[in-house]
Amino acid sequence: MMRVMVIEGNPSLARLYREELEEAGFGVGVSGDLRGAMARLRREPVHVLVTDADVIKGRLDHWVTSLRKVHRGGVVVLGQGGRRLPSIKGLAVLDKSSDLSHLVTALRGMAGSVMWNQAAGSN
């Protein structure tokens, strides 16, 4: 089962993410903030990290560099409408929406590469 961690500070949205993603067949953990997520990733690795663009403070490339010290898997950043985020390898950017079907589709698309990496022993 593909494991996903969602960083979401709003408890109602966190519950929505957990319920919808679990219903779609993913193992889901939720962290209310970036610091807690980083600590949890050290103890409990996941295949994909999902976060809101607003959680990321400072430059995205610096954040990704720090993140890669504890997480080697996929990263999905949920952005707000017109906010442009730089293209960074291994980072998918989706619009944040109450309709989670695009996120579920993206995660299912990532599942193939996750399974290949597991089979190869790299995750």
PDB file of N, CA and C in Angstrom:
ATOM      1  N   MET A   1       0.846  -1.183   0.000  1.00  0.00           N
ATOM      2  CA  MET A   1       0.000   0.000   0.000  1.00  0.00           C
ATOM      3  C   MET A   1       0.887   1.241   0.000  1.00  0.00           C
ATOM      4  N   MET A   2       0.545   2.179  -0.842  1.00  0.00           N
ATOM      5  CA  MET A   2       1.313   3.418  -0.910  1.00  0.00           C
ATOM      6  C   MET A   2       0.955   4.297   0.293  1.00  0.00           C
ATOM      7  N   ARG A   3       1.994   4.746   0.998  1.00  0.00           N
ATOM      8  CA  ARG A   3       1.810   5.592   2.172  1.00  0.00           C
ATOM      9  C   ARG A   3       1.990   7.062   1.786  1.00  0.00           C
ATOM     10  N   VAL A   4       1.061   7.891   2.268  1.00  0.00           N
ATOM     11  CA  VAL A   4       1.034   9.313   1.959  1.00  0.00           C
ATOM     12  C   VAL A   4       0.982  10.089   3.267  1.00  0.00           C
ATOM     13  N   MET A   5       1.750  11.177   3.350  1.00  0.00           N
ATOM     14  CA  MET A   5       1.612  12.102   4.467  1.00  0.00           C
ATOM     15  C   MET A   5       1.104  13.430   3.917  1.00  0.00           C
ATOM     16  N   VAL A   6       0.091  13.958   4.591  1.00  0.00           N
ATOM     17  CA  VAL A   6      -0.484  15.243   4.214  1.00  0.00           C
ATOM     18  C   VAL A   6      -0.166  16.242   5.312  1.00  0.00           C
ATOM     19  N   ILE A   7       0.350  17.403   4.922  1.00  0.00           N
ATOM     20  CA  ILE A   7       0.563  18.490   5.877  1.00  0.00           C
ATOM     21  C   ILE A   7      -0.597  19.454   5.704  1.00  0.00           C
ATOM     22  N   GLU A   8      -1.418  19.546   6.728  1.00  0.00           N
ATOM     23  CA  GLU A   8      -2.596  20.423   6.674  1.00  0.00           C
ATOM     24  C   GLU A   8      -2.929  20.893   8.078  1.00  0.00           C
ATOM     25  N   GLY A   9      -2.886  22.198   8.286  1.00  0.00           N
ATOM     26  CA  GLY A   9      -3.136  22.781   9.601  1.00  0.00           C
ATOM     27  C   GLY A   9      -4.599  22.900   9.967  1.00  0.00           C
ATOM     28  N   ASN A  10      -5.487  22.895   8.992  1.00  0.00           N
ATOM     29  CA  ASN A  10      -6.917  23.012   9.256  1.00  0.00           C
ATOM     30  C   ASN A  10      -7.468  21.614   9.569  1.00  0.00           C
ATOM     31  N   PRO A  11      -7.945  21.387  10.808  1.00  0.00           N
ATOM     32  CA  PRO A  11      -8.409  20.047  11.185  1.00  0.00           C
ATOM     33  C   PRO A  11      -9.533  19.498  10.293  1.00  0.00           C
ATOM     34  N   SER A  12     -10.436  20.343   9.845  1.00  0.00           N
ATOM     35  CA  SER A  12     -11.526  19.880   8.973  1.00  0.00           C
ATOM     36  C   SER A  12     -10.984  19.408   7.638  1.00  0.00           C
ATOM     37  N   LEU A  13     -10.059  20.178   7.058  1.00  0.00           N
ATOM     38  CA  LEU A  13      -9.460  19.768   5.787  1.00  0.00           C
ATOM     39  C   LEU A  13      -8.588  18.526   5.968  1.00  0.00           C
ATOM     40  N   ALA A  14      -7.883  18.462   7.078  1.00  0.00           N
ATOM     41  CA  ALA A  14      -7.038  17.289   7.349  1.00  0.00           C
ATOM     42  C   ALA A  14      -7.896  16.022   7.393  1.00  0.00           C
ATOM     43  N   ARG A  15      -9.054  16.115   8.050  1.00  0.00           N
ATOM     44  CA  ARG A  15      -9.965  14.974   8.123  1.00  0.00           C
ATOM     45  C   ARG A  15     -10.478  14.607   6.723  1.00  0.00           C
ATOM     46  N   LEU A  16     -10.799  15.615   5.914  1.00  0.00           N
ATOM     47  CA  LEU A  16     -11.261  15.374   4.546  1.00  0.00           C
ATOM     48  C   LEU A  16     -10.187  14.651   3.731  1.00  0.00           C
ATOM     49  N   TYR A  17      -8.943  15.141   3.792  1.00  0.00           N
ATOM     50  CA  TYR A  17      -7.847  14.484   3.078  1.00  0.00           C
ATOM     51  C   TYR A  17      -7.710  13.032   3.526  1.00  0.00           C
ATOM     52  N   ARG A  18      -7.693  12.821   4.828  1.00  0.00           N
ATOM     53  CA  ARG A  18      -7.519  11.464   5.352  1.00  0.00           C
ATOM     54  C   ARG A  18      -8.637  10.549   4.850  1.00  0.00           C
ATOM     55  N   GLU A  19      -9.870  10.975   5.004  1.00  0.00           N
ATOM     56  CA  GLU A  19     -11.007  10.137   4.617  1.00  0.00           C
ATOM     57  C   GLU A  19     -10.999   9.832   3.116  1.00  0.00           C
ATOM     58  N   GLU A  20     -10.807  10.862   2.303  1.00  0.00           N
ATOM     59  CA  GLU A  20     -10.861  10.674   0.847  1.00  0.00           C
ATOM     60  C   GLU A  20      -9.699   9.818   0.342  1.00  0.00           C
ATOM     61  N   LEU A  21      -8.517  10.065   0.856  1.00  0.00           N
ATOM     62  CA  LEU A  21      -7.358   9.309   0.388  1.00  0.00           C
ATOM     63  C   LEU A  21      -7.380   7.873   0.892  1.00  0.00           C
ATOM     64  N   GLU A  22      -7.841   7.662   2.120  1.00  0.00           N
ATOM     65  CA  GLU A  22      -7.977   6.287   2.609  1.00  0.00           C
ATOM     66  C   GLU A  22      -9.027   5.538   1.796  1.00  0.00           C
ATOM     67  N   GLU A  23     -10.126   6.211   1.482  1.00  0.00           N
ATOM     68  CA  GLU A  23     -11.170   5.588   0.661  1.00  0.00           C
ATOM     69  C   GLU A  23     -10.636   5.218  -0.721  1.00  0.00           C
ATOM     70  N   ALA A  24      -9.667   5.994  -1.212  1.00  0.00           N
ATOM     71  CA  ALA A  24      -9.057   5.716  -2.517  1.00  0.00           C
ATOM     72  C   ALA A  24      -7.992   4.620  -2.432  1.00  0.00           C
ATOM     73  N   GLY A  25      -7.706   4.130  -1.221  1.00  0.00           N
ATOM     74  CA  GLY A  25      -6.800   3.002  -1.081  1.00  0.00           C
ATOM     75  C   GLY A  25      -5.396   3.319  -0.602  1.00  0.00           C
ATOM     76  N   PHE A  26      -5.159   4.532  -0.126  1.00  0.00           N
ATOM     77  CA  PHE A  26      -3.840   4.916   0.352  1.00  0.00           C
ATOM     78  C   PHE A  26      -3.771   4.825   1.870  1.00  0.00           C
ATOM     79  N   GLY A  27      -2.571   4.551   2.389  1.00  0.00           N
ATOM     80  CA  GLY A  27      -2.312   4.677   3.815  1.00  0.00           C
ATOM     81  C   GLY A  27      -1.988   6.141   4.063  1.00  0.00           C
ATOM     82  N   VAL A  28      -2.675   6.786   4.997  1.00  0.00           N
ATOM     83  CA  VAL A  28      -2.563   8.236   5.152  1.00  0.00           C
ATOM     84  C   VAL A  28      -2.194   8.625   6.574  1.00  0.00           C
ATOM     85  N   GLY A  29      -1.201   9.487   6.681  1.00  0.00           N
ATOM     86  CA  GLY A  29      -0.862  10.147   7.926  1.00  0.00           C
ATOM     87  C   GLY A  29      -1.029  11.632   7.711  1.00  0.00           C
ATOM     88  N   VAL A  30      -1.400  12.353   8.758  1.00  0.00           N
ATOM     89  CA  VAL A  30      -1.603  13.795   8.650  1.00  0.00           C
ATOM     90  C   VAL A  30      -0.774  14.483   9.716  1.00  0.00           C
ATOM     91  N   SER A  31      -0.128  15.563   9.316  1.00  0.00           N
ATOM     92  CA  SER A  31       0.607  16.399  10.256  1.00  0.00           C
ATOM     93  C   SER A  31       0.058  17.818  10.144  1.00  0.00           C
ATOM     94  N   GLY A  32      -0.073  18.472  11.273  1.00  0.00           N
ATOM     95  CA  GLY A  32      -0.631  19.816  11.281  1.00  0.00           C
ATOM     96  C   GLY A  32       0.338  20.905  10.885  1.00  0.00           C
ATOM     97  N   ASP A  33       1.635  20.599  10.859  1.00  0.00           N
ATOM     98  CA  ASP A  33       2.614  21.626  10.498  1.00  0.00           C
ATOM     99  C   ASP A  33       3.873  20.988   9.927  1.00  0.00           C
ATOM    100  N   LEU A  34       4.706  21.813   9.339  1.00  0.00           N
ATOM    101  CA  LEU A  34       5.916  21.349   8.668  1.00  0.00           C
ATOM    102  C   LEU A  34       6.919  20.743   9.649  1.00  0.00           C
ATOM    103  N   ARG A  35       7.101  21.361  10.784  1.00  0.00           N
ATOM    104  CA  ARG A  35       8.059  20.852  11.773  1.00  0.00           C
ATOM    105  C   ARG A  35       7.668  19.460  12.241  1.00  0.00           C
ATOM    106  N   GLY A  36       6.392  19.274  12.557  1.00  0.00           N
ATOM    107  CA  GLY A  36       5.905  17.963  12.974  1.00  0.00           C
ATOM    108  C   GLY A  36       6.040  16.931  11.862  1.00  0.00           C
ATOM    109  N   ALA A  37       5.795  17.362  10.629  1.00  0.00           N
ATOM    110  CA  ALA A  37       5.915  16.454   9.487  1.00  0.00           C
ATOM    111  C   ALA A  37       7.350  15.988   9.313  1.00  0.00           C
ATOM    112  N   MET A  38       8.299  16.902   9.428  1.00  0.00           N
ATOM    113  CA  MET A  38       9.709  16.541   9.255  1.00  0.00           C
ATOM    114  C   MET A  38      10.137  15.549  10.339  1.00  0.00           C
ATOM    115  N   ALA A  39       9.721  15.777  11.569  1.00  0.00           N
ATOM    116  CA  ALA A  39      10.064  14.856  12.655  1.00  0.00           C
ATOM    117  C   ALA A  39       9.425  13.490  12.413  1.00  0.00           C
ATOM    118  N   ARG A  40       8.196  13.497  11.968  1.00  0.00           N
ATOM    119  CA  ARG A  40       7.500  12.231  11.722  1.00  0.00           C
ATOM    120  C   ARG A  40       8.113  11.465  10.556  1.00  0.00           C
ATOM    121  N   LEU A  41       8.544  12.185   9.517  1.00  0.00           N
ATOM    122  CA  LEU A  41       9.176  11.531   8.367  1.00  0.00           C
ATOM    123  C   LEU A  41      10.461  10.819   8.760  1.00  0.00           C
ATOM    124  N   ARG A  42      11.165  11.341   9.756  1.00  0.00           N
ATOM    125  CA  ARG A  42      12.383  10.680  10.228  1.00  0.00           C
ATOM    126  C   ARG A  42      12.060   9.320  10.848  1.00  0.00           C
ATOM    127  N   ARG A  43      10.901   9.228  11.509  1.00  0.00           N
ATOM    128  CA  ARG A  43      10.496   7.986  12.182  1.00  0.00           C
ATOM    129  C   ARG A  43       9.683   7.064  11.281  1.00  0.00           C
ATOM    130  N   GLU A  44       8.841   7.659  10.441  1.00  0.00           N
ATOM    131  CA  GLU A  44       7.899   6.899   9.626  1.00  0.00           C
ATOM    132  C   GLU A  44       7.966   7.374   8.177  1.00  0.00           C
ATOM    133  N   PRO A  45       8.846   6.811   7.385  1.00  0.00           N
ATOM    134  CA  PRO A  45       8.946   7.234   5.983  1.00  0.00           C
ATOM    135  C   PRO A  45       7.643   6.958   5.228  1.00  0.00           C
ATOM    136  N   VAL A  46       7.371   7.804   4.247  1.00  0.00           N
ATOM    137  CA  VAL A  46       6.202   7.635   3.386  1.00  0.00           C
ATOM    138  C   VAL A  46       6.659   7.657   1.935  1.00  0.00           C
ATOM    139  N   HIS A  47       5.786   7.252   1.043  1.00  0.00           N
ATOM    140  CA  HIS A  47       6.102   7.275  -0.378  1.00  0.00           C
ATOM    141  C   HIS A  47       5.919   8.666  -0.984  1.00  0.00           C
ATOM    142  N   VAL A  48       4.871   9.383  -0.533  1.00  0.00           N
ATOM    143  CA  VAL A  48       4.569  10.695  -1.100  1.00  0.00           C
ATOM    144  C   VAL A  48       4.173  11.648   0.016  1.00  0.00           C
ATOM    145  N   LEU A  49       4.677  12.861  -0.070  1.00  0.00           N
ATOM    146  CA  LEU A  49       4.315  13.945   0.839  1.00  0.00           C
ATOM    147  C   LEU A  49       3.438  14.921   0.067  1.00  0.00           C
ATOM    148  N   VAL A  50       2.300  15.296   0.657  1.00  0.00           N
ATOM    149  CA  VAL A  50       1.392  16.269   0.049  1.00  0.00           C
ATOM    150  C   VAL A  50       1.318  17.464   0.979  1.00  0.00           C
ATOM    151  N   THR A  51       1.552  18.657   0.436  1.00  0.00           N
ATOM    152  CA  THR A  51       1.496  19.858   1.258  1.00  0.00           C
ATOM    153  C   THR A  51       0.925  21.035   0.482  1.00  0.00           C
ATOM    154  N   ASP A  52       0.450  21.992   1.202  1.00  0.00           N
ATOM    155  CA  ASP A  52      -0.045  23.244   0.640  1.00  0.00           C
ATOM    156  C   ASP A  52       1.157  24.155   0.391  1.00  0.00           C
ATOM    157  N   ALA A  53       1.131  24.896  -0.688  1.00  0.00           N
ATOM    158  CA  ALA A  53       2.238  25.809  -1.003  1.00  0.00           C
ATOM    159  C   ALA A  53       2.450  26.839   0.093  1.00  0.00           C
ATOM    160  N   ASP A  54       1.392  27.215   0.804  1.00  0.00           N
ATOM    161  CA  ASP A  54       1.514  28.232   1.848  1.00  0.00           C
ATOM    162  C   ASP A  54       2.289  27.745   3.067  1.00  0.00           C
ATOM    163  N   VAL A  55       2.437  26.440   3.230  1.00  0.00           N
ATOM    164  CA  VAL A  55       3.211  25.882   4.347  1.00  0.00           C
ATOM    165  C   VAL A  55       4.698  26.154   4.146  1.00  0.00           C
ATOM    166  N   ILE A  56       5.102  26.232   2.886  1.00  0.00           N
ATOM    167  CA  ILE A  56       6.516  26.383   2.546  1.00  0.00           C
ATOM    168  C   ILE A  56       6.923  27.843   2.726  1.00  0.00           C
ATOM    169  N   LYS A  57       7.834  28.053   3.642  1.00  0.00           N
ATOM    170  CA  LYS A  57       8.348  29.406   3.892  1.00  0.00           C
ATOM    171  C   LYS A  57       9.676  29.557   3.163  1.00  0.00           C
ATOM    172  N   GLY A  58       9.912  30.706   2.571  1.00  0.00           N
ATOM    173  CA  GLY A  58      11.160  30.919   1.855  1.00  0.00           C
ATOM    174  C   GLY A  58      11.114  30.325   0.459  1.00  0.00           C
ATOM    175  N   ARG A  59      12.278  30.113  -0.098  1.00  0.00           N
ATOM    176  CA  ARG A  59      12.385  29.614  -1.473  1.00  0.00           C
ATOM    177  C   ARG A  59      12.078  28.130  -1.551  1.00  0.00           C
ATOM    178  N   LEU A  60      11.306  27.761  -2.541  1.00  0.00           N
ATOM    179  CA  LEU A  60      10.893  26.379  -2.730  1.00  0.00           C
ATOM    180  C   LEU A  60      12.087  25.453  -2.912  1.00  0.00           C
ATOM    181  N   ASP A  61      13.097  25.870  -3.677  1.00  0.00           N
ATOM    182  CA  ASP A  61      14.249  24.998  -3.908  1.00  0.00           C
ATOM    183  C   ASP A  61      15.021  24.734  -2.614  1.00  0.00           C
ATOM    184  N   HIS A  62      15.099  25.715  -1.719  1.00  0.00           N
ATOM    185  CA  HIS A  62      15.766  25.505  -0.431  1.00  0.00           C
ATOM    186  C   HIS A  62      14.963  24.535   0.435  1.00  0.00           C
ATOM    187  N   TRP A  63      13.641  24.684   0.408  1.00  0.00           N
ATOM    188  CA  TRP A  63      12.773  23.799   1.175  1.00  0.00           C
ATOM    189  C   TRP A  63      12.918  22.358   0.686  1.00  0.00           C
ATOM    190  N   VAL A  64      12.932  22.176  -0.628  1.00  0.00           N
ATOM    191  CA  VAL A  64      13.074  20.832  -1.182  1.00  0.00           C
ATOM    192  C   VAL A  64      14.422  20.224  -0.778  1.00  0.00           C
ATOM    193  N   THR A  65      15.482  21.023  -0.779  1.00  0.00           N
ATOM    194  CA  THR A  65      16.795  20.535  -0.364  1.00  0.00           C
ATOM    195  C   THR A  65      16.746  20.042   1.080  1.00  0.00           C
ATOM    196  N   SER A  66      16.107  20.792   1.969  1.00  0.00           N
ATOM    197  CA  SER A  66      15.969  20.371   3.372  1.00  0.00           C
ATOM    198  C   SER A  66      15.104  19.127   3.483  1.00  0.00           C
ATOM    199  N   LEU A  67      14.022  19.101   2.734  1.00  0.00           N
ATOM    200  CA  LEU A  67      13.111  17.963   2.766  1.00  0.00           C
ATOM    201  C   LEU A  67      13.811  16.685   2.327  1.00  0.00           C
ATOM    202  N   ARG A  68      14.657  16.780   1.314  1.00  0.00           N
ATOM    203  CA  ARG A  68      15.322  15.588   0.772  1.00  0.00           C
ATOM    204  C   ARG A  68      16.265  14.929   1.778  1.00  0.00           C
ATOM    205  N   LYS A  69      16.597  15.624   2.864  1.00  0.00           N
ATOM    206  CA  LYS A  69      17.418  15.016   3.912  1.00  0.00           C
ATOM    207  C   LYS A  69      16.635  13.956   4.686  1.00  0.00           C
ATOM    208  N   VAL A  70      15.292  14.063   4.681  1.00  0.00           N
ATOM    209  CA  VAL A  70      14.462  13.105   5.425  1.00  0.00           C
ATOM    210  C   VAL A  70      13.438  12.380   4.557  1.00  0.00           C
ATOM    211  N   HIS A  71      13.251  12.821   3.325  1.00  0.00           N
ATOM    212  CA  HIS A  71      12.220  12.218   2.458  1.00  0.00           C
ATOM    213  C   HIS A  71      12.722  12.143   1.023  1.00  0.00           C
ATOM    214  N   ARG A  72      12.800  10.910   0.519  1.00  0.00           N
ATOM    215  CA  ARG A  72      13.298  10.713  -0.845  1.00  0.00           C
ATOM    216  C   ARG A  72      12.184  10.423  -1.835  1.00  0.00           C
ATOM    217  N   GLY A  73      10.952  10.330  -1.354  1.00  0.00           N
ATOM    218  CA  GLY A  73       9.825   9.979  -2.204  1.00  0.00           C
ATOM    219  C   GLY A  73       9.255  11.157  -2.963  1.00  0.00           C
ATOM    220  N   GLY A  74       8.066  10.957  -3.479  1.00  0.00           N
ATOM    221  CA  GLY A  74       7.392  11.986  -4.260  1.00  0.00           C
ATOM    222  C   GLY A  74       6.900  13.128  -3.393  1.00  0.00           C
ATOM    223  N   VAL A  75       6.711  14.270  -4.035  1.00  0.00           N
ATOM    224  CA  VAL A  75       6.209  15.461  -3.349  1.00  0.00           C
ATOM    225  C   VAL A  75       5.145  16.101  -4.234  1.00  0.00           C
ATOM    226  N   VAL A  76       3.992  16.359  -3.644  1.00  0.00           N
ATOM    227  CA  VAL A  76       2.920  17.070  -4.334  1.00  0.00           C
ATOM    228  C   VAL A  76       2.668  18.357  -3.566  1.00  0.00           C
ATOM    229  N   VAL A  77       2.768  19.488  -4.265  1.00  0.00           N
ATOM    230  CA  VAL A  77       2.492  20.787  -3.669  1.00  0.00           C
ATOM    231  C   VAL A  77       1.168  21.278  -4.237  1.00  0.00           C
ATOM    232  N   LEU A  78       0.262  21.601  -3.335  1.00  0.00           N
ATOM    233  CA  LEU A  78      -1.037  22.120  -3.734  1.00  0.00           C
ATOM    234  C   LEU A  78      -0.974  23.640  -3.709  1.00  0.00           C
ATOM    235  N   GLY A  79      -1.083  24.260  -4.875  1.00  0.00           N
ATOM    236  CA  GLY A  79      -0.958  25.709  -4.987  1.00  0.00           C
ATOM    237  C   GLY A  79      -2.301  26.386  -5.122  1.00  0.00           C
ATOM    238  N   GLN A  80      -2.285  27.667  -4.954  1.00  0.00           N
ATOM    239  CA  GLN A  80      -3.480  28.469  -5.094  1.00  0.00           C
ATOM    240  C   GLN A  80      -3.532  29.075  -6.487  1.00  0.00           C
ATOM    241  N   GLY A  81      -4.524  28.704  -7.243  1.00  0.00           N
ATOM    242  CA  GLY A  81      -4.826  29.277  -8.551  1.00  0.00           C
ATOM    243  C   GLY A  81      -3.659  29.805  -9.344  1.00  0.00           C
ATOM    244  N   GLY A  82      -3.469  31.119  -9.342  1.00  0.00           N
ATOM    245  CA  GLY A  82      -2.489  31.754 -10.205  1.00  0.00           C
ATOM    246  C   GLY A  82      -1.062  31.776  -9.677  1.00  0.00           C
ATOM    247  N   ARG A  83      -0.834  31.285  -8.480  1.00  0.00           N
ATOM    248  CA  ARG A  83       0.524  31.307  -7.925  1.00  0.00           C
ATOM    249  C   ARG A  83       1.421  30.376  -8.719  1.00  0.00           C
ATOM    250  N   ARG A  84       2.466  30.925  -9.301  1.00  0.00           N
ATOM    251  CA  ARG A  84       3.399  30.131 -10.105  1.00  0.00           C
ATOM    252  C   ARG A  84       4.523  29.627  -9.218  1.00  0.00           C
ATOM    253  N   LEU A  85       4.763  28.332  -9.290  1.00  0.00           N
ATOM    254  CA  LEU A  85       5.861  27.734  -8.542  1.00  0.00           C
ATOM    255  C   LEU A  85       6.905  27.256  -9.532  1.00  0.00           C
ATOM    256  N   PRO A  86       8.184  27.391  -9.191  1.00  0.00           N
ATOM    257  CA  PRO A  86       9.237  26.954 -10.113  1.00  0.00           C
ATOM    258  C   PRO A  86       9.188  25.446 -10.330  1.00  0.00           C
ATOM    259  N   SER A  87       9.645  25.036 -11.483  1.00  0.00           N
ATOM    260  CA  SER A  87       9.697  23.614 -11.810  1.00  0.00           C
ATOM    261  C   SER A  87      10.917  22.993 -11.134  1.00  0.00           C
ATOM    262  N   ILE A  88      10.674  21.976 -10.317  1.00  0.00           N
ATOM    263  CA  ILE A  88      11.746  21.280  -9.614  1.00  0.00           C
ATOM    264  C   ILE A  88      11.536  19.790  -9.821  1.00  0.00           C
ATOM    265  N   LYS A  89      12.598  19.101 -10.190  1.00  0.00           N
ATOM    266  CA  LYS A  89      12.516  17.659 -10.445  1.00  0.00           C
ATOM    267  C   LYS A  89      11.967  16.924  -9.221  1.00  0.00           C
ATOM    268  N   GLY A  90      11.028  16.026  -9.471  1.00  0.00           N
ATOM    269  CA  GLY A  90      10.453  15.227  -8.402  1.00  0.00           C
ATOM    270  C   GLY A  90       9.340  15.906  -7.648  1.00  0.00           C
ATOM    271  N   LEU A  91       8.904  17.069  -8.130  1.00  0.00           N
ATOM    272  CA  LEU A  91       7.881  17.839  -7.450  1.00  0.00           C
ATOM    273  C   LEU A  91       6.706  18.042  -8.400  1.00  0.00           C
ATOM    274  N   ALA A  92       5.527  17.600  -7.993  1.00  0.00           N
ATOM    275  CA  ALA A  92       4.321  17.828  -8.785  1.00  0.00           C
ATOM    276  C   ALA A  92       3.545  18.975  -8.147  1.00  0.00           C
ATOM    277  N   VAL A  93       3.017  19.864  -8.968  1.00  0.00           N
ATOM    278  CA  VAL A  93       2.247  20.989  -8.475  1.00  0.00           C
ATOM    279  C   VAL A  93       0.826  20.871  -9.018  1.00  0.00           C
ATOM    280  N   LEU A  94      -0.142  20.897  -8.113  1.00  0.00           N
ATOM    281  CA  LEU A  94      -1.553  20.835  -8.479  1.00  0.00           C
ATOM    282  C   LEU A  94      -2.283  22.010  -7.858  1.00  0.00           C
ATOM    283  N   ASP A  95      -3.372  22.429  -8.485  1.00  0.00           N
ATOM    284  CA  ASP A  95      -4.209  23.451  -7.867  1.00  0.00           C
ATOM    285  C   ASP A  95      -4.893  22.857  -6.646  1.00  0.00           C
ATOM    286  N   LYS A  96      -5.004  23.653  -5.585  1.00  0.00           N
ATOM    287  CA  LYS A  96      -5.710  23.192  -4.388  1.00  0.00           C
ATOM    288  C   LYS A  96      -7.200  23.372  -4.630  1.00  0.00           C
ATOM    289  N   SER A  97      -7.948  22.309  -4.367  1.00  0.00           N
ATOM    290  CA  SER A  97      -9.375  22.323  -4.645  1.00  0.00           C
ATOM    291  C   SER A  97     -10.089  21.439  -3.638  1.00  0.00           C
ATOM    292  N   SER A  98     -11.370  21.712  -3.429  1.00  0.00           N
ATOM    293  CA  SER A  98     -12.161  20.833  -2.567  1.00  0.00           C
ATOM    294  C   SER A  98     -12.478  19.518  -3.274  1.00  0.00           C
ATOM    295  N   ASP A  99     -12.304  19.479  -4.588  1.00  0.00           N
ATOM    296  CA  ASP A  99     -12.455  18.252  -5.365  1.00  0.00           C
ATOM    297  C   ASP A  99     -11.097  17.556  -5.380  1.00  0.00           C
ATOM    298  N   LEU A 100     -10.982  16.457  -4.666  1.00  0.00           N
ATOM    299  CA  LEU A 100      -9.694  15.776  -4.526  1.00  0.00           C
ATOM    300  C   LEU A 100      -9.419  14.766  -5.637  1.00  0.00           C
ATOM    301  N   SER A 101     -10.271  14.711  -6.650  1.00  0.00           N
ATOM    302  CA  SER A 101     -10.088  13.711  -7.707  1.00  0.00           C
ATOM    303  C   SER A 101      -8.767  13.902  -8.446  1.00  0.00           C
ATOM    304  N   HIS A 102      -8.331  15.150  -8.658  1.00  0.00           N
ATOM    305  CA  HIS A 102      -7.052  15.379  -9.336  1.00  0.00           C
ATOM    306  C   HIS A 102      -5.882  14.893  -8.485  1.00  0.00           C
ATOM    307  N   LEU A 103      -5.974  15.105  -7.197  1.00  0.00           N
ATOM    308  CA  LEU A 103      -4.927  14.627  -6.288  1.00  0.00           C
ATOM    309  C   LEU A 103      -4.893  13.100  -6.274  1.00  0.00           C
ATOM    310  N   VAL A 104      -6.051  12.469  -6.185  1.00  0.00           N
ATOM    311  CA  VAL A 104      -6.113  11.007  -6.187  1.00  0.00           C
ATOM    312  C   VAL A 104      -5.525  10.458  -7.484  1.00  0.00           C
ATOM    313  N   THR A 105      -5.872  11.084  -8.608  1.00  0.00           N
ATOM    314  CA  THR A 105      -5.344  10.652  -9.904  1.00  0.00           C
ATOM    315  C   THR A 105      -3.824  10.791  -9.944  1.00  0.00           C
ATOM    316  N   ALA A 106      -3.316  11.921  -9.451  1.00  0.00           N
ATOM    317  CA  ALA A 106      -1.861  12.135  -9.435  1.00  0.00           C
ATOM    318  C   ALA A 106      -1.169  11.098  -8.557  1.00  0.00           C
ATOM    319  N   LEU A 107      -1.736  10.812  -7.394  1.00  0.00           N
ATOM    320  CA  LEU A 107      -1.138   9.828  -6.495  1.00  0.00           C
ATOM    321  C   LEU A 107      -1.174   8.435  -7.110  1.00  0.00           C
ATOM    322  N   ARG A 108      -2.259   8.103  -7.769  1.00  0.00           N
ATOM    323  CA  ARG A 108      -2.328   6.792  -8.442  1.00  0.00           C
ATOM    324  C   ARG A 108      -1.285   6.709  -9.548  1.00  0.00           C
ATOM    325  N   GLY A 109      -1.050   7.822 -10.244  1.00  0.00           N
ATOM    326  CA  GLY A 109      -0.017   7.849 -11.275  1.00  0.00           C
ATOM    327  C   GLY A 109       1.368   7.654 -10.692  1.00  0.00           C
ATOM    328  N   MET A 110       1.581   8.160  -9.482  1.00  0.00           N
ATOM    329  CA  MET A 110       2.875   8.006  -8.819  1.00  0.00           C
ATOM    330  C   MET A 110       3.055   6.597  -8.271  1.00  0.00           C
ATOM    331  N   ALA A 111       1.975   5.888  -8.058  1.00  0.00           N
ATOM    332  CA  ALA A 111       2.039   4.562  -7.440  1.00  0.00           C
ATOM    333  C   ALA A 111       2.898   3.601  -8.248  1.00  0.00           C
ATOM    334  N   GLY A 112       2.833   3.685  -9.567  1.00  0.00           N
ATOM    335  CA  GLY A 112       3.641   2.793 -10.406  1.00  0.00           C
ATOM    336  C   GLY A 112       5.122   2.959 -10.157  1.00  0.00           C
ATOM    337  N   SER A 113       5.585   4.194 -10.118  1.00  0.00           N
ATOM    338  CA  SER A 113       7.013   4.410  -9.889  1.00  0.00           C
ATOM    339  C   SER A 113       7.399   4.042  -8.463  1.00  0.00           C
ATOM    340  N   VAL A 114       6.487   4.236  -7.513  1.00  0.00           N
ATOM    341  CA  VAL A 114       6.749   3.845  -6.126  1.00  0.00           C
ATOM    342  C   VAL A 114       6.955   2.335  -6.046  1.00  0.00           C
ATOM    343  N   MET A 115       6.091   1.593  -6.715  1.00  0.00           N
ATOM    344  CA  MET A 115       6.205   0.130  -6.673  1.00  0.00           C
ATOM    345  C   MET A 115       7.488  -0.348  -7.365  1.00  0.00           C
ATOM    346  N   TRP A 116       7.864   0.288  -8.465  1.00  0.00           N
ATOM    347  CA  TRP A 116       9.119  -0.064  -9.136  1.00  0.00           C
ATOM    348  C   TRP A 116      10.311   0.221  -8.229  1.00  0.00           C
ATOM    349  N   ASN A 117      10.282   1.363  -7.541  1.00  0.00           N
ATOM    350  CA  ASN A 117      11.378   1.705  -6.630  1.00  0.00           C
ATOM    351  C   ASN A 117      11.467   0.701  -5.491  1.00  0.00           C
ATOM    352  N   GLN A 118      10.309   0.273  -4.971  1.00  0.00           N
ATOM    353  CA  GLN A 118      10.317  -0.730  -3.905  1.00  0.00           C
ATOM    354  C   GLN A 118      10.907  -2.045  -4.404  1.00  0.00           C
ATOM    355  N   ALA A 119      10.494  -2.433  -5.600  1.00  0.00           N
ATOM    356  CA  ALA A 119      10.996  -3.697  -6.167  1.00  0.00           C
ATOM    357  C   ALA A 119      12.509  -3.637  -6.372  1.00  0.00           C
ATOM    358  N   ALA A 120      12.998  -2.428  -6.706  1.00  0.00           N
ATOM    359  CA  ALA A 120      14.438  -2.267  -6.933  1.00  0.00           C
ATOM    360  C   ALA A 120      15.202  -2.068  -5.620  1.00  0.00           C
ATOM    361  N   GLY A 121      14.443  -1.908  -4.512  1.00  0.00           N
ATOM    362  CA  GLY A 121      15.091  -1.752  -3.213  1.00  0.00           C
ATOM    363  C   GLY A 121      15.568  -0.359  -2.904  1.00  0.00           C
ATOM    364  N   SER A 122      15.065   0.653  -3.649  1.00  0.00           N
ATOM    365  CA  SER A 122      15.551   2.012  -3.406  1.00  0.00           C
ATOM    366  C   SER A 122      14.637   2.805  -2.512  1.00  0.00           C
ATOM    367  N   ASN A 123      13.549   2.234  -2.007  1.00  0.00           N
ATOM    368  CA  ASN A 123      12.659   2.954  -1.096  1.00  0.00           C
ATOM    369  C   ASN A 123      12.082   2.037  -0.065  1.00  0.00           C
TER     370      ASN A 123
END
